[in-house]
Each structure stands twice: as structure tokens, then as C-alpha cells.
Amino acid sequence: MYIDSGMESQETSQSGPKDFSPDKKLEIESDYDDEPDETLGERLWGLTEMFPESVRNASQTISEVTQSGVKNFYGFSRSAMWIVFSTSIILFAPVIFEVERAQMEEMQRSQQKQMLLGPNTAVAGGMAPMMPSMPR
């Protein structure tokens, strides 16, 4: 049997504050480092327990409705943009081609006049050359 003397208990009480050295503090902090870090999702899941069930259900419903609305709006906007751009190409492409063709014809007429009547004719805007009047 072991008989405890008062001496040992005094030594441990006196050495208690001495045991709390910077090395001991570092050892205590390293114990916390051994725990795995929580992810953001795990922390948020843990926080949900502090809210009532009705708040959790309402926030879940709101997030699902919002997500569904964004998906539907995205799909609608894609379809609408496709319709708008394809329709504008179909409607305006013939107009653009026709305007370009008219400009080309005008340029060809101008070149033909320039070759037939001389370089000054194209600058004058297609007016016939004026004959000088005879003195009387």
C-alpha cells in the first residue's frame, strides 16, 4: 500500500504553474491542429440547427424557387434571343443585299460615263457638257 505524504502534493501544487511553460502551451495548441478543418458547407449545415424547422423550410423553398426561376429565365432568354436574331437576319439581309446591289450599279454607271464622256463628267454629276455660246 502506498501512503501519500503531504510532501508530494505540495510539490505538484508548486510545480503546476511551472509546468505551464511555452513548450506546454505549444503542445496544447498542436492538439487543436490535429482536428480536421471544417468546410464551409459543414459549418453552414451546423448553423442550420440553431434555426426553427419553419425557417429552414421557408429558406429552402425560397432558394429552390429562385433557382428554378433563374433557370427558366435563362432558357426563355436564350430562345428569345435566337428568335430575335434569326428573324432580323432573315428580314434585313435582303434589304442589305439590295442596297449593296444598287450602290454597285450606281458605281458601274458612273464608271461607264467617265469612260465615255471623260473624267470631268463623273465629277460634274452626270450633267451634259455645255456648249460655249457664239458671239453675235
N, C-alpha and C. Protein backbone atom coordinates (compact mmCIF):
# COMPACT_ATOMS: atom_id res chain seq x y z
N MET A 1 0.82 -1.16 0.00
CA MET A 1 0.00 0.00 0.00
C MET A 1 0.87 1.23 0.00
N TYR A 2 0.39 2.20 -0.65
CA TYR A 2 1.17 3.42 -0.81
C TYR A 2 0.57 4.50 0.06
N ILE A 3 1.40 5.12 0.84
CA ILE A 3 0.95 6.18 1.72
C ILE A 3 1.43 7.49 1.14
N ASP A 4 0.49 8.36 0.94
CA ASP A 4 0.80 9.66 0.35
C ASP A 4 1.27 10.59 1.43
N SER A 5 2.37 11.17 1.17
CA SER A 5 2.84 12.15 2.13
C SER A 5 2.46 13.52 1.65
N GLY A 6 2.36 14.41 2.50
CA GLY A 6 1.99 15.78 2.17
C GLY A 6 3.03 16.45 1.29
N MET A 7 4.22 15.87 1.25
CA MET A 7 5.31 16.46 0.51
C MET A 7 5.04 16.40 -1.00
N GLU A 8 4.54 15.28 -1.48
CA GLU A 8 4.31 15.14 -2.91
C GLU A 8 3.20 16.06 -3.39
N SER A 9 2.16 16.22 -2.61
CA SER A 9 1.07 17.09 -3.02
C SER A 9 1.52 18.54 -3.04
N GLN A 10 2.42 18.90 -2.16
CA GLN A 10 2.95 20.26 -2.18
C GLN A 10 3.82 20.49 -3.39
N GLU A 11 4.58 19.45 -3.78
CA GLU A 11 5.46 19.58 -4.95
C GLU A 11 4.63 19.76 -6.21
N THR A 12 3.55 19.01 -6.36
CA THR A 12 2.74 19.11 -7.57
C THR A 12 2.01 20.44 -7.61
N SER A 13 1.60 20.94 -6.44
CA SER A 13 0.91 22.22 -6.46
C SER A 13 1.88 23.35 -6.76
N GLN A 14 3.12 23.20 -6.30
CA GLN A 14 4.11 24.23 -6.58
C GLN A 14 4.61 24.13 -8.01
N SER A 15 4.70 22.93 -8.55
CA SER A 15 5.23 22.77 -9.91
C SER A 15 4.15 22.97 -10.96
N GLY A 16 2.89 23.11 -10.55
CA GLY A 16 1.79 23.30 -11.51
C GLY A 16 2.01 24.52 -12.39
N PRO A 17 2.20 25.70 -11.84
CA PRO A 17 2.42 26.84 -12.70
C PRO A 17 3.72 26.74 -13.48
N LYS A 18 4.68 26.06 -12.93
CA LYS A 18 5.94 25.91 -13.66
C LYS A 18 5.77 25.00 -14.86
N ASP A 19 4.83 24.01 -14.79
CA ASP A 19 4.60 23.10 -15.91
C ASP A 19 3.98 23.83 -17.11
N PHE A 20 3.33 24.92 -16.87
CA PHE A 20 2.68 25.66 -17.96
C PHE A 20 3.71 26.57 -18.61
N SER A 21 4.64 25.98 -19.27
CA SER A 21 5.70 26.71 -19.95
C SER A 21 5.29 26.93 -21.40
N PRO A 22 6.03 27.72 -22.19
CA PRO A 22 5.71 27.91 -23.61
C PRO A 22 5.71 26.60 -24.38
N ASP A 23 6.55 25.65 -23.98
CA ASP A 23 6.55 24.35 -24.65
C ASP A 23 5.24 23.63 -24.42
N LYS A 24 4.73 23.69 -23.21
CA LYS A 24 3.46 23.06 -22.88
C LYS A 24 2.32 23.73 -23.64
N LYS A 25 2.39 25.07 -23.76
CA LYS A 25 1.36 25.81 -24.49
C LYS A 25 1.37 25.41 -25.96
N LEU A 26 2.54 25.24 -26.53
CA LEU A 26 2.66 24.83 -27.92
C LEU A 26 2.07 23.43 -28.10
N GLU A 27 2.28 22.56 -27.11
CA GLU A 27 1.73 21.21 -27.18
C GLU A 27 0.20 21.25 -27.15
N ILE A 28 -0.38 22.12 -26.34
CA ILE A 28 -1.83 22.25 -26.26
C ILE A 28 -2.39 22.76 -27.58
N GLU A 29 -1.72 23.75 -28.18
CA GLU A 29 -2.20 24.30 -29.46
C GLU A 29 -2.08 23.28 -30.57
N SER A 30 -1.06 22.44 -30.52
CA SER A 30 -0.91 21.44 -31.57
C SER A 30 -2.01 20.39 -31.49
N ASP A 31 -2.59 20.20 -30.31
CA ASP A 31 -3.71 19.27 -30.20
C ASP A 31 -4.90 19.76 -31.03
N TYR A 32 -5.10 21.06 -31.08
CA TYR A 32 -6.20 21.62 -31.88
C TYR A 32 -5.90 21.51 -33.37
N ASP A 33 -4.63 21.55 -33.73
CA ASP A 33 -4.27 21.45 -35.13
C ASP A 33 -4.53 20.06 -35.69
N ASP A 34 -4.61 19.06 -34.82
CA ASP A 34 -4.83 17.70 -35.28
C ASP A 34 -6.26 17.48 -35.74
N GLU A 35 -7.19 18.33 -35.32
CA GLU A 35 -8.57 18.19 -35.72
C GLU A 35 -8.72 18.61 -37.18
N PRO A 36 -9.51 17.88 -37.95
CA PRO A 36 -9.69 18.26 -39.35
C PRO A 36 -10.46 19.57 -39.46
N ASP A 37 -10.09 20.37 -40.46
CA ASP A 37 -10.78 21.64 -40.68
C ASP A 37 -12.16 21.38 -41.26
N GLU A 38 -13.10 22.23 -40.86
CA GLU A 38 -14.46 22.13 -41.38
C GLU A 38 -14.53 22.86 -42.70
N THR A 39 -15.29 22.32 -43.61
CA THR A 39 -15.54 23.04 -44.85
C THR A 39 -16.67 24.04 -44.62
N LEU A 40 -16.85 24.93 -45.57
CA LEU A 40 -17.91 25.93 -45.45
C LEU A 40 -19.28 25.26 -45.40
N GLY A 41 -19.45 24.23 -46.20
CA GLY A 41 -20.73 23.51 -46.20
C GLY A 41 -21.03 22.87 -44.86
N GLU A 42 -20.01 22.29 -44.23
CA GLU A 42 -20.21 21.67 -42.93
C GLU A 42 -20.57 22.70 -41.87
N ARG A 43 -19.92 23.86 -41.93
CA ARG A 43 -20.23 24.91 -40.97
C ARG A 43 -21.65 25.43 -41.15
N LEU A 44 -22.05 25.64 -42.40
CA LEU A 44 -23.41 26.11 -42.65
C LEU A 44 -24.44 25.07 -42.22
N TRP A 45 -24.14 23.80 -42.46
CA TRP A 45 -25.06 22.75 -42.04
C TRP A 45 -25.19 22.74 -40.52
N GLY A 46 -24.09 22.97 -39.83
CA GLY A 46 -24.13 23.02 -38.37
C GLY A 46 -24.92 24.22 -37.87
N LEU A 47 -24.86 25.32 -38.60
CA LEU A 47 -25.61 26.51 -38.19
C LEU A 47 -27.11 26.35 -38.38
N THR A 48 -27.51 25.45 -39.26
CA THR A 48 -28.94 25.30 -39.50
C THR A 48 -29.67 24.77 -38.28
N GLU A 49 -28.95 24.09 -37.41
CA GLU A 49 -29.60 23.52 -36.22
C GLU A 49 -30.09 24.59 -35.25
N MET A 50 -29.57 25.80 -35.36
CA MET A 50 -29.99 26.84 -34.42
C MET A 50 -31.28 27.55 -34.87
N PHE A 51 -31.75 27.28 -36.09
CA PHE A 51 -32.99 27.90 -36.58
C PHE A 51 -34.13 26.91 -36.45
N PRO A 52 -35.36 27.41 -36.27
CA PRO A 52 -36.52 26.52 -36.20
C PRO A 52 -36.79 25.85 -37.54
N GLU A 53 -37.52 24.77 -37.50
CA GLU A 53 -37.82 23.99 -38.70
C GLU A 53 -38.57 24.84 -39.75
N SER A 54 -39.46 25.71 -39.31
CA SER A 54 -40.23 26.54 -40.26
C SER A 54 -39.32 27.49 -41.02
N VAL A 55 -38.33 28.06 -40.36
CA VAL A 55 -37.39 28.98 -41.04
C VAL A 55 -36.55 28.21 -42.04
N ARG A 56 -36.11 27.01 -41.65
CA ARG A 56 -35.31 26.19 -42.57
C ARG A 56 -36.12 25.80 -43.80
N ASN A 57 -37.39 25.41 -43.59
CA ASN A 57 -38.23 25.03 -44.73
C ASN A 57 -38.50 26.22 -45.64
N ALA A 58 -38.75 27.38 -45.04
CA ALA A 58 -39.02 28.58 -45.85
C ALA A 58 -37.80 28.97 -46.66
N SER A 59 -36.63 28.94 -46.05
CA SER A 59 -35.42 29.32 -46.80
C SER A 59 -35.12 28.31 -47.89
N GLN A 60 -35.38 27.03 -47.65
CA GLN A 60 -35.18 26.02 -48.68
C GLN A 60 -36.13 26.25 -49.85
N THR A 61 -37.40 26.53 -49.54
CA THR A 61 -38.39 26.79 -50.59
C THR A 61 -38.01 28.01 -51.41
N ILE A 62 -37.58 29.07 -50.73
CA ILE A 62 -37.18 30.30 -51.44
C ILE A 62 -35.99 30.03 -52.35
N SER A 63 -35.01 29.29 -51.86
CA SER A 63 -33.83 29.02 -52.69
C SER A 63 -34.19 28.14 -53.89
N GLU A 64 -35.07 27.14 -53.71
CA GLU A 64 -35.48 26.30 -54.82
C GLU A 64 -36.27 27.08 -55.86
N VAL A 65 -37.18 27.94 -55.41
CA VAL A 65 -37.98 28.75 -56.33
C VAL A 65 -37.07 29.73 -57.09
N THR A 66 -36.13 30.32 -56.39
CA THR A 66 -35.20 31.25 -57.04
C THR A 66 -34.36 30.53 -58.09
N GLN A 67 -33.83 29.36 -57.74
CA GLN A 67 -33.03 28.60 -58.68
C GLN A 67 -33.85 28.20 -59.90
N SER A 68 -35.06 27.76 -59.68
CA SER A 68 -35.93 27.38 -60.78
C SER A 68 -36.26 28.59 -61.66
N GLY A 69 -36.53 29.73 -61.04
CA GLY A 69 -36.83 30.94 -61.80
C GLY A 69 -35.66 31.40 -62.65
N VAL A 70 -34.46 31.32 -62.10
CA VAL A 70 -33.27 31.71 -62.87
C VAL A 70 -33.06 30.78 -64.06
N LYS A 71 -33.25 29.48 -63.84
CA LYS A 71 -33.11 28.52 -64.94
C LYS A 71 -34.14 28.78 -66.03
N ASN A 72 -35.40 29.01 -65.63
CA ASN A 72 -36.46 29.27 -66.61
C ASN A 72 -36.20 30.57 -67.36
N PHE A 73 -35.78 31.61 -66.66
CA PHE A 73 -35.48 32.89 -67.32
C PHE A 73 -34.33 32.74 -68.29
N TYR A 74 -33.31 31.98 -67.91
CA TYR A 74 -32.17 31.76 -68.80
C TYR A 74 -32.62 31.03 -70.07
N GLY A 75 -33.42 29.99 -69.91
CA GLY A 75 -33.92 29.26 -71.08
C GLY A 75 -34.79 30.13 -71.96
N PHE A 76 -35.66 30.93 -71.36
CA PHE A 76 -36.52 31.83 -72.13
C PHE A 76 -35.69 32.87 -72.87
N SER A 77 -34.70 33.45 -72.19
CA SER A 77 -33.88 34.49 -72.84
C SER A 77 -33.07 33.91 -73.99
N ARG A 78 -32.60 32.67 -73.85
CA ARG A 78 -31.88 32.04 -74.97
C ARG A 78 -32.81 31.88 -76.17
N SER A 79 -34.00 31.39 -75.94
CA SER A 79 -34.95 31.20 -77.03
C SER A 79 -35.34 32.54 -77.66
N ALA A 80 -35.60 33.52 -76.83
CA ALA A 80 -35.99 34.84 -77.34
C ALA A 80 -34.88 35.46 -78.17
N MET A 81 -33.65 35.36 -77.69
CA MET A 81 -32.53 35.93 -78.46
C MET A 81 -32.36 35.21 -79.79
N TRP A 82 -32.51 33.90 -79.80
CA TRP A 82 -32.40 33.15 -81.05
C TRP A 82 -33.48 33.61 -82.03
N ILE A 83 -34.70 33.78 -81.56
CA ILE A 83 -35.79 34.20 -82.43
C ILE A 83 -35.53 35.61 -82.96
N VAL A 84 -35.11 36.54 -82.08
CA VAL A 84 -34.88 37.92 -82.49
C VAL A 84 -33.76 38.01 -83.53
N PHE A 85 -32.63 37.37 -83.27
CA PHE A 85 -31.50 37.49 -84.19
C PHE A 85 -31.74 36.77 -85.50
N SER A 86 -32.33 35.58 -85.45
CA SER A 86 -32.57 34.88 -86.71
C SER A 86 -33.63 35.61 -87.55
N THR A 87 -34.64 36.16 -86.90
CA THR A 87 -35.66 36.92 -87.63
C THR A 87 -35.07 38.19 -88.24
N SER A 88 -34.23 38.88 -87.49
CA SER A 88 -33.64 40.11 -88.02
C SER A 88 -32.72 39.80 -89.20
N ILE A 89 -32.01 38.70 -89.15
CA ILE A 89 -31.16 38.33 -90.29
C ILE A 89 -32.02 38.01 -91.50
N ILE A 90 -33.08 37.27 -91.28
CA ILE A 90 -33.95 36.90 -92.40
C ILE A 90 -34.63 38.13 -92.99
N LEU A 91 -35.04 39.08 -92.15
CA LEU A 91 -35.74 40.26 -92.65
C LEU A 91 -34.80 41.31 -93.24
N PHE A 92 -33.66 41.52 -92.63
CA PHE A 92 -32.80 42.61 -93.06
C PHE A 92 -31.71 42.21 -94.06
N ALA A 93 -31.40 40.94 -94.17
CA ALA A 93 -30.38 40.52 -95.12
C ALA A 93 -30.77 40.86 -96.56
N PRO A 94 -32.01 40.61 -97.01
CA PRO A 94 -32.36 41.01 -98.38
C PRO A 94 -32.27 42.52 -98.60
N VAL A 95 -32.63 43.29 -97.60
CA VAL A 95 -32.54 44.75 -97.73
C VAL A 95 -31.09 45.18 -97.88
N ILE A 96 -30.22 44.61 -97.08
CA ILE A 96 -28.80 44.95 -97.14
C ILE A 96 -28.23 44.55 -98.50
N PHE A 97 -28.57 43.35 -98.99
CA PHE A 97 -28.08 42.92 -100.30
C PHE A 97 -28.59 43.83 -101.42
N GLU A 98 -29.85 44.26 -101.31
CA GLU A 98 -30.43 45.12 -102.35
C GLU A 98 -29.77 46.50 -102.35
N VAL A 99 -29.52 47.05 -101.18
CA VAL A 99 -28.85 48.35 -101.10
C VAL A 99 -27.44 48.23 -101.67
N GLU A 100 -26.74 47.16 -101.34
CA GLU A 100 -25.39 46.96 -101.87
C GLU A 100 -25.41 46.82 -103.39
N ARG A 101 -26.40 46.10 -103.92
CA ARG A 101 -26.52 45.94 -105.38
C ARG A 101 -26.79 47.28 -106.05
N ALA A 102 -27.66 48.10 -105.45
CA ALA A 102 -27.96 49.42 -106.03
C ALA A 102 -26.71 50.30 -106.01
N GLN A 103 -25.93 50.24 -104.97
CA GLN A 103 -24.69 51.03 -104.92
C GLN A 103 -23.70 50.57 -105.98
N MET A 104 -23.62 49.27 -106.19
CA MET A 104 -22.71 48.74 -107.21
C MET A 104 -23.16 49.18 -108.61
N GLU A 105 -24.46 49.14 -108.87
CA GLU A 105 -24.97 49.59 -110.18
C GLU A 105 -24.67 51.06 -110.39
N GLU A 106 -24.85 51.87 -109.38
CA GLU A 106 -24.57 53.30 -109.49
C GLU A 106 -23.09 53.55 -109.76
N MET A 107 -22.25 52.78 -109.10
CA MET A 107 -20.81 52.93 -109.31
C MET A 107 -20.43 52.50 -110.73
N GLN A 108 -21.04 51.44 -111.25
CA GLN A 108 -20.77 51.00 -112.61
C GLN A 108 -21.23 52.04 -113.63
N ARG A 109 -22.40 52.64 -113.41
CA ARG A 109 -22.88 53.70 -114.32
C ARG A 109 -21.91 54.88 -114.32
N SER A 110 -21.45 55.24 -113.13
CA SER A 110 -20.51 56.35 -113.02
C SER A 110 -19.22 56.04 -113.78
N GLN A 111 -18.72 54.82 -113.67
CA GLN A 111 -17.50 54.44 -114.38
C GLN A 111 -17.73 54.44 -115.89
N GLN A 112 -18.89 53.98 -116.34
CA GLN A 112 -19.19 53.98 -117.77
C GLN A 112 -19.25 55.40 -118.31
N LYS A 113 -19.89 56.32 -117.60
CA LYS A 113 -19.96 57.72 -118.04
C LYS A 113 -18.57 58.33 -118.09
N GLN A 114 -17.76 57.98 -117.11
CA GLN A 114 -16.41 58.54 -117.07
C GLN A 114 -15.61 58.05 -118.28
N MET A 115 -15.79 56.78 -118.66
CA MET A 115 -15.05 56.25 -119.81
C MET A 115 -15.58 56.82 -121.12
N LEU A 116 -16.88 57.03 -121.24
CA LEU A 116 -17.46 57.53 -122.49
C LEU A 116 -17.29 59.03 -122.67
N LEU A 117 -17.53 59.79 -121.63
CA LEU A 117 -17.57 61.24 -121.76
C LEU A 117 -16.34 61.95 -121.20
N GLY A 118 -15.48 61.26 -120.54
CA GLY A 118 -14.28 61.88 -120.00
C GLY A 118 -14.33 62.00 -118.49
N PRO A 119 -13.18 62.30 -117.88
CA PRO A 119 -13.09 62.33 -116.42
C PRO A 119 -13.91 63.45 -115.79
N ASN A 120 -14.14 64.57 -116.48
CA ASN A 120 -14.88 65.68 -115.88
C ASN A 120 -16.37 65.39 -115.74
N THR A 121 -16.89 64.46 -116.47
CA THR A 121 -18.31 64.14 -116.45
C THR A 121 -18.72 63.52 -115.13
N ALA A 122 -17.89 62.63 -114.61
CA ALA A 122 -18.22 61.96 -113.36
C ALA A 122 -18.22 62.96 -112.20
N VAL A 123 -17.35 63.96 -112.25
CA VAL A 123 -17.28 64.96 -111.18
C VAL A 123 -18.46 65.90 -111.26
N ALA A 124 -18.90 66.22 -112.47
CA ALA A 124 -19.99 67.17 -112.66
C ALA A 124 -21.34 66.57 -112.27
N GLY A 125 -21.39 65.32 -112.00
CA GLY A 125 -22.63 64.71 -111.55
C GLY A 125 -23.49 64.26 -112.70
N GLY A 126 -22.91 64.01 -113.85
CA GLY A 126 -23.68 63.47 -114.97
C GLY A 126 -24.36 64.53 -115.80
N MET A 127 -24.04 65.80 -115.59
CA MET A 127 -24.64 66.85 -116.41
C MET A 127 -23.97 66.87 -117.79
N ALA A 128 -24.75 67.17 -118.79
CA ALA A 128 -24.20 67.23 -120.15
C ALA A 128 -23.28 68.44 -120.26
N PRO A 129 -22.19 68.28 -121.02
CA PRO A 129 -21.27 69.41 -121.15
C PRO A 129 -21.95 70.56 -121.88
N MET A 130 -21.74 71.75 -121.43
CA MET A 130 -22.37 72.92 -122.02
C MET A 130 -21.55 73.42 -123.21
N MET A 131 -22.25 73.79 -124.24
CA MET A 131 -21.58 74.34 -125.41
C MET A 131 -21.35 75.82 -125.19
N PRO A 132 -20.20 76.28 -125.52
CA PRO A 132 -19.99 77.72 -125.37
C PRO A 132 -20.87 78.48 -126.36
N SER A 133 -21.42 79.53 -125.91
CA SER A 133 -22.30 80.32 -126.79
C SER A 133 -21.46 81.14 -127.77
N MET A 134 -21.99 81.37 -128.98
CA MET A 134 -21.27 82.10 -130.01
C MET A 134 -21.53 83.58 -129.90
N PRO A 135 -20.51 84.34 -130.07
CA PRO A 135 -20.73 85.80 -130.01
C PRO A 135 -21.48 86.29 -131.22
N ARG A 136 -22.30 87.33 -131.18
CA ARG A 136 -23.08 87.86 -132.28
C ARG A 136 -22.50 89.07 -132.83
